[in-house]
N, C-alpha and C. Protein backbone atom coordinates (compact mmCIF):
# COMPACT_ATOMS: atom_id res chain seq x y z
N MET A 1 0.72 -1.04 -0.05
CA MET A 1 -0.01 0.16 0.07
C MET A 1 0.97 1.18 0.12
N ASN A 2 1.25 1.74 -0.98
CA ASN A 2 1.96 3.04 -1.28
C ASN A 2 1.36 3.92 -2.19
N ILE A 3 1.44 5.00 -2.01
CA ILE A 3 1.02 5.92 -2.97
C ILE A 3 2.22 7.33 -2.96
N SER A 4 1.98 7.90 -4.37
CA SER A 4 2.96 9.13 -4.18
C SER A 4 2.38 10.31 -5.02
N VAL A 5 2.47 11.40 -4.34
CA VAL A 5 1.56 12.63 -4.68
C VAL A 5 2.50 13.73 -5.07
N GLU A 6 2.63 14.30 -6.23
CA GLU A 6 3.83 15.24 -6.38
C GLU A 6 2.86 16.37 -7.16
N LEU A 7 2.68 17.43 -6.65
CA LEU A 7 2.22 18.71 -7.10
C LEU A 7 3.06 19.96 -7.53
N ASN A 8 3.19 20.32 -8.60
CA ASN A 8 3.93 21.34 -9.06
C ASN A 8 3.06 22.36 -9.54
N THR A 9 3.41 23.60 -9.10
CA THR A 9 2.46 24.82 -9.38
C THR A 9 3.19 25.43 -10.36
N LEU A 10 2.82 25.54 -11.65
CA LEU A 10 3.40 26.34 -12.91
C LEU A 10 3.39 27.58 -12.98
N ASP A 11 2.25 27.97 -12.58
CA ASP A 11 1.89 29.45 -12.38
C ASP A 11 0.89 29.40 -11.43
N GLU A 12 0.49 30.90 -11.12
CA GLU A 12 -0.52 30.94 -10.16
C GLU A 12 -2.08 30.44 -10.52
N LEU A 13 -2.37 30.04 -11.83
CA LEU A 13 -3.54 29.50 -12.06
C LEU A 13 -3.31 28.25 -12.73
N HIS A 14 -2.15 27.45 -12.94
CA HIS A 14 -1.84 26.02 -13.38
C HIS A 14 -1.16 25.23 -12.41
N ILE A 15 -1.79 23.98 -12.14
CA ILE A 15 -0.92 23.15 -11.29
C ILE A 15 -0.81 21.77 -12.12
N LYS A 16 0.08 21.24 -12.16
CA LYS A 16 0.46 19.91 -12.81
C LYS A 16 0.75 18.89 -11.49
N GLY A 17 0.15 17.86 -11.40
CA GLY A 17 0.45 16.66 -10.59
C GLY A 17 0.76 15.31 -10.97
N PHE A 18 1.56 14.82 -10.17
CA PHE A 18 1.69 13.19 -10.78
C PHE A 18 1.47 12.20 -9.55
N ILE A 19 0.69 11.35 -9.64
CA ILE A 19 0.15 10.26 -8.95
C ILE A 19 0.48 9.17 -9.19
N GLY A 20 1.16 8.36 -8.35
CA GLY A 20 1.75 7.03 -8.58
C GLY A 20 1.22 6.05 -7.41
N GLY A 21 1.34 4.86 -7.57
CA GLY A 21 0.96 3.80 -6.42
C GLY A 21 -0.41 3.18 -6.61
N GLU A 22 -0.89 3.28 -5.31
CA GLU A 22 -2.57 2.63 -5.36
C GLU A 22 -3.29 3.56 -4.63
N ILE A 23 -4.56 3.50 -5.11
CA ILE A 23 -5.30 4.48 -4.38
C ILE A 23 -6.33 3.45 -3.95
N ASP A 24 -6.67 3.57 -2.61
CA ASP A 24 -7.51 2.56 -2.00
C ASP A 24 -7.98 3.38 -0.76
N ALA A 25 -8.70 2.50 0.37
CA ALA A 25 -9.29 2.79 1.58
C ALA A 25 -8.24 3.30 2.32
N PHE A 26 -7.07 3.20 2.30
CA PHE A 26 -5.82 3.20 2.83
C PHE A 26 -5.05 4.46 2.63
N THR A 27 -4.82 4.38 1.48
CA THR A 27 -3.94 5.63 0.55
C THR A 27 -4.97 6.90 0.18
N ALA A 28 -6.12 6.69 0.31
CA ALA A 28 -7.16 7.75 -0.44
C ALA A 28 -7.02 8.80 0.75
N PRO A 29 -6.93 8.91 1.99
CA PRO A 29 -6.97 9.97 2.98
C PRO A 29 -5.54 10.88 2.62
N ILE A 30 -4.68 10.09 2.12
CA ILE A 30 -3.39 11.01 1.80
C ILE A 30 -3.36 11.87 0.65
N LEU A 31 -4.31 11.12 -0.24
CA LEU A 31 -4.18 11.85 -1.73
C LEU A 31 -5.33 12.93 -1.38
N ARG A 32 -6.37 12.90 -0.61
CA ARG A 32 -7.32 13.65 -0.52
C ARG A 32 -6.90 15.01 0.30
N GLU A 33 -5.86 14.58 1.25
CA GLU A 33 -5.17 15.66 1.79
C GLU A 33 -4.29 16.70 1.07
N LYS A 34 -3.40 15.98 0.35
CA LYS A 34 -2.60 16.59 -0.53
C LYS A 34 -3.27 17.44 -1.70
N LEU A 35 -4.43 16.89 -2.21
CA LEU A 35 -5.52 17.74 -2.76
C LEU A 35 -6.29 18.91 -2.23
N THR A 36 -6.32 18.90 -1.16
CA THR A 36 -7.21 19.73 -0.40
C THR A 36 -6.18 20.94 -0.15
N ASP A 37 -4.76 20.75 -0.35
CA ASP A 37 -3.77 21.85 0.08
C ASP A 37 -3.71 22.74 -1.12
N ILE A 38 -4.27 22.54 -2.41
CA ILE A 38 -4.23 23.09 -3.27
C ILE A 38 -5.12 24.34 -3.14
N THR A 39 -4.85 25.44 -3.37
CA THR A 39 -5.57 26.78 -3.05
C THR A 39 -6.40 26.89 -4.42
N LEU A 40 -7.70 26.76 -4.46
CA LEU A 40 -8.68 26.83 -5.36
C LEU A 40 -8.70 28.29 -5.91
N LEU A 41 -8.07 28.76 -6.47
CA LEU A 41 -8.29 30.16 -7.00
C LEU A 41 -9.40 30.07 -8.25
N GLU A 42 -9.90 31.13 -8.55
CA GLU A 42 -11.20 31.22 -9.48
C GLU A 42 -10.30 30.71 -10.85
N LYS A 43 -10.86 30.16 -11.65
CA LYS A 43 -10.73 29.55 -12.95
C LYS A 43 -9.29 28.72 -12.88
N ILE A 44 -8.93 28.08 -12.28
CA ILE A 44 -7.42 27.44 -11.95
C ILE A 44 -7.72 26.17 -12.64
N HIS A 45 -6.55 25.67 -13.36
CA HIS A 45 -6.52 24.43 -13.96
C HIS A 45 -5.29 23.54 -13.40
N VAL A 46 -6.17 22.36 -13.21
CA VAL A 46 -5.22 21.51 -12.38
C VAL A 46 -5.01 20.08 -13.46
N GLU A 47 -4.12 19.66 -13.71
CA GLU A 47 -4.11 18.34 -14.50
C GLU A 47 -3.36 17.64 -13.64
N LEU A 48 -3.67 16.29 -13.37
CA LEU A 48 -3.28 15.16 -12.66
C LEU A 48 -3.09 13.94 -13.66
N ASN A 49 -1.80 13.64 -13.44
CA ASN A 49 -1.47 12.44 -14.49
C ASN A 49 -1.23 11.30 -13.62
N LEU A 50 -1.93 10.20 -14.17
CA LEU A 50 -2.25 9.09 -13.34
C LEU A 50 -1.55 7.96 -13.70
N THR A 51 -0.53 8.12 -14.82
CA THR A 51 -0.03 7.13 -15.55
C THR A 51 0.94 5.86 -14.44
N ASP A 52 1.13 6.42 -13.34
CA ASP A 52 2.10 5.54 -12.63
C ASP A 52 1.07 4.92 -11.39
N VAL A 53 -0.58 5.03 -11.82
CA VAL A 53 -1.11 4.39 -10.77
C VAL A 53 -1.49 3.18 -11.09
N SER A 54 -1.27 2.10 -10.20
CA SER A 54 -1.25 0.79 -10.51
C SER A 54 -2.58 0.13 -10.18
N TYR A 55 -3.40 0.75 -9.13
CA TYR A 55 -4.71 0.21 -8.63
C TYR A 55 -5.46 1.40 -8.08
N MET A 56 -6.68 1.43 -8.30
CA MET A 56 -7.67 2.45 -7.65
C MET A 56 -8.97 1.64 -7.61
N ASP A 57 -9.59 1.89 -6.42
CA ASP A 57 -11.13 1.36 -6.09
C ASP A 57 -11.89 2.53 -5.79
N SER A 58 -13.38 2.25 -5.68
CA SER A 58 -14.46 3.48 -5.55
C SER A 58 -13.72 4.59 -4.33
N THR A 59 -12.91 4.17 -3.44
CA THR A 59 -12.46 5.04 -2.61
C THR A 59 -11.79 6.06 -3.22
N GLY A 60 -10.86 5.90 -4.10
CA GLY A 60 -10.35 6.76 -5.13
C GLY A 60 -11.07 7.40 -6.21
N LEU A 61 -11.98 6.81 -6.51
CA LEU A 61 -12.92 7.39 -7.48
C LEU A 61 -13.75 8.72 -6.78
N GLY A 62 -14.06 8.32 -5.28
CA GLY A 62 -14.80 9.55 -4.43
C GLY A 62 -13.86 10.39 -4.25
N VAL A 63 -12.40 10.24 -4.08
CA VAL A 63 -11.64 11.42 -4.03
C VAL A 63 -11.51 12.28 -4.99
N PHE A 64 -11.37 11.68 -6.36
CA PHE A 64 -11.66 12.43 -7.59
C PHE A 64 -12.86 13.37 -7.78
N VAL A 65 -14.01 12.97 -7.45
CA VAL A 65 -15.19 13.07 -7.52
C VAL A 65 -15.47 14.66 -6.68
N GLY A 66 -14.67 14.45 -5.43
CA GLY A 66 -14.95 15.53 -4.52
C GLY A 66 -14.07 16.50 -5.00
N PHE A 67 -13.01 16.38 -5.37
CA PHE A 67 -11.84 17.38 -5.73
C PHE A 67 -12.24 18.13 -7.03
N TYR A 68 -13.12 17.16 -8.16
CA TYR A 68 -13.80 17.63 -9.30
C TYR A 68 -14.75 18.78 -8.93
N LYS A 69 -15.44 18.27 -7.83
CA LYS A 69 -16.66 19.43 -7.46
C LYS A 69 -16.06 20.57 -6.95
N SER A 70 -14.88 20.52 -6.24
CA SER A 70 -14.33 21.56 -5.61
C SER A 70 -13.57 22.46 -6.99
N VAL A 71 -13.08 21.75 -7.71
CA VAL A 71 -12.59 22.81 -8.72
C VAL A 71 -13.38 23.49 -9.59
N THR A 72 -14.39 22.59 -10.02
CA THR A 72 -15.44 23.33 -10.85
C THR A 72 -16.36 24.48 -10.01
N ALA A 73 -16.70 24.22 -8.82
CA ALA A 73 -17.29 25.31 -7.96
C ALA A 73 -16.51 26.71 -8.04
N ALA A 74 -15.36 26.64 -8.17
CA ALA A 74 -14.40 27.72 -8.40
C ALA A 74 -14.27 28.27 -9.63
N ASN A 75 -15.05 27.77 -10.69
CA ASN A 75 -15.01 27.94 -12.24
C ASN A 75 -13.70 27.44 -12.84
N GLY A 76 -13.03 26.47 -12.39
CA GLY A 76 -11.98 25.74 -12.70
C GLY A 76 -11.95 24.53 -13.56
N HIS A 77 -11.08 24.26 -13.61
CA HIS A 77 -10.93 22.83 -14.82
C HIS A 77 -10.04 21.76 -14.40
N LEU A 78 -10.55 20.43 -14.39
CA LEU A 78 -9.56 19.47 -13.64
C LEU A 78 -9.79 18.46 -14.95
N GLU A 79 -8.11 17.98 -15.10
CA GLU A 79 -8.07 16.88 -16.34
C GLU A 79 -6.92 15.84 -15.78
N LEU A 80 -7.65 14.80 -16.09
CA LEU A 80 -7.05 13.58 -15.37
C LEU A 80 -6.48 12.96 -16.81
N THR A 81 -5.05 12.65 -16.77
CA THR A 81 -4.26 12.19 -17.81
C THR A 81 -3.76 11.07 -17.60
N GLY A 82 -3.21 10.17 -18.57
CA GLY A 82 -2.32 8.87 -18.49
C GLY A 82 -3.20 7.86 -17.84
N LEU A 83 -4.31 7.87 -18.07
CA LEU A 83 -5.28 6.72 -17.04
C LEU A 83 -5.05 5.55 -18.00
N SER A 84 -4.67 4.35 -17.42
CA SER A 84 -4.46 3.05 -18.31
C SER A 84 -5.81 2.43 -18.43
N SER A 85 -6.22 1.68 -19.35
CA SER A 85 -7.60 1.18 -20.04
C SER A 85 -8.17 0.66 -18.60
N ARG A 86 -7.56 0.11 -17.83
CA ARG A 86 -8.20 -0.33 -16.77
C ARG A 86 -9.01 0.66 -15.71
N LEU A 87 -8.08 1.62 -15.42
CA LEU A 87 -8.46 2.83 -14.59
C LEU A 87 -9.56 3.59 -15.53
N LYS A 88 -9.52 3.80 -16.67
CA LYS A 88 -10.44 4.30 -17.35
C LYS A 88 -11.76 3.78 -17.41
N ARG A 89 -11.73 2.28 -17.43
CA ARG A 89 -12.97 1.61 -17.41
C ARG A 89 -13.80 1.63 -16.09
N LEU A 90 -12.88 2.21 -15.22
CA LEU A 90 -13.82 2.44 -13.81
C LEU A 90 -14.46 3.88 -13.98
N PHE A 91 -14.01 4.71 -14.77
CA PHE A 91 -14.69 6.07 -14.95
C PHE A 91 -15.65 5.90 -15.71
N ASP A 92 -15.51 4.90 -16.75
CA ASP A 92 -16.50 4.47 -18.03
C ASP A 92 -17.70 3.89 -17.22
N ILE A 93 -17.70 3.07 -16.39
CA ILE A 93 -18.82 2.19 -15.58
C ILE A 93 -19.52 3.21 -14.88
N THR A 94 -18.93 4.08 -14.35
CA THR A 94 -19.49 5.07 -13.18
C THR A 94 -20.19 5.86 -13.90
N GLY A 95 -19.99 6.45 -15.21
CA GLY A 95 -20.61 7.56 -15.92
C GLY A 95 -19.78 8.93 -15.80
N LEU A 96 -18.85 8.74 -15.11
CA LEU A 96 -17.59 9.89 -14.81
C LEU A 96 -17.13 10.41 -16.09
N VAL A 97 -16.78 9.57 -16.84
CA VAL A 97 -16.17 10.10 -18.31
C VAL A 97 -16.95 10.97 -18.75
N GLU A 98 -18.46 10.84 -18.88
CA GLU A 98 -19.03 11.99 -19.35
C GLU A 98 -19.27 13.16 -18.78
N ILE A 99 -18.86 13.28 -17.50
CA ILE A 99 -18.85 14.79 -17.12
C ILE A 99 -17.12 15.17 -16.51
N MET A 100 -16.35 14.41 -16.51
CA MET A 100 -14.88 15.01 -16.38
C MET A 100 -13.91 15.11 -17.41
N ASP A 101 -13.04 15.63 -17.55
CA ASP A 101 -12.17 15.72 -18.74
C ASP A 101 -10.96 14.37 -18.39
N ILE A 102 -11.17 13.26 -19.14
CA ILE A 102 -10.32 12.26 -18.82
C ILE A 102 -9.62 11.75 -19.97
N GLN A 103 -8.37 11.85 -19.98
CA GLN A 103 -7.40 11.20 -21.28
C GLN A 103 -6.91 9.90 -20.81
N ALA A 104 -6.86 8.98 -21.55
CA ALA A 104 -6.48 7.79 -21.26
C ALA A 104 -4.86 7.62 -22.01
N THR A 105 -4.35 6.59 -21.54
CA THR A 105 -2.92 6.63 -22.21
C THR A 105 -3.02 5.76 -23.63
N ASP A 106 -3.90 4.42 -23.46
CA ASP A 106 -4.15 3.69 -24.71
C ASP A 106 -4.87 4.51 -25.73
N LYS A 107 -4.50 4.39 -26.61
CA LYS A 107 -4.86 4.84 -27.93
C LYS A 107 -6.00 3.72 -28.37
N GLU A 108 -7.31 4.07 -28.67
CA GLU A 108 -8.29 2.81 -29.19
C GLU A 108 -7.53 2.96 -30.75
N VAL A 109 -7.85 1.47 -31.13
CA VAL A 109 -7.52 1.37 -32.56
C VAL A 109 -8.88 1.21 -33.28
N LYS A 110 -9.08 1.91 -34.27
CA LYS A 110 -10.37 1.72 -34.97
C LYS A 110 -9.99 0.82 -36.34
N ILE A 111 -10.88 0.17 -36.65
CA ILE A 111 -10.61 -0.60 -37.67
C ILE A 111 -11.60 -0.12 -38.76
N ASP A 112 -10.83 0.28 -39.97
CA ASP A 112 -11.87 0.75 -40.93
C ASP A 112 -12.14 -0.48 -41.91
N GLU A 113 -13.76 -0.43 -41.82
CA GLU A 113 -14.27 -1.67 -42.37
C GLU A 113 -14.76 -1.54 -43.80
N THR A 114 -14.38 -0.60 -44.43
CA THR A 114 -14.80 -0.21 -45.45
C THR A 114 -13.79 -0.56 -46.69
N VAL A 115 -12.91 -1.09 -46.32
CA VAL A 115 -11.85 -1.87 -47.15
C VAL A 115 -12.28 -3.17 -48.12
C-alpha cells in the first residue's frame, strides 16, 4: 500500500500533479489531504497525471469526484491524464467519463471496415 503525490505549481492558475501507486481505502486519505492543500483560485486549471497509478478502488473515485466538485465550484478545470485502460474503465462504468475531462494513455485502434 503505497502512494506518491507530487504537485507542481506552474503559475498561479496552473497546477500539474503526478500520482503513483495504489489508491484505496488506506491511501485515499493521503491523496485527499494533498489535493485539499491546493488553493482553489477562480478559474484554476489542474492536470493530474495518473500514469503510475497501478490500482484504484471506489474510494479513489470518491476522492477525484470530491476534488472535481471543488475545482468546478471555483469555475476551474480538472483534467485527469495518463489513465490506463483499466483505470479508464472505472470512470466509464460509473459514467464519470461523461462529466470529467479524462485522457487515457491507451489509444483506441479503429478498424476501417470499408476496405
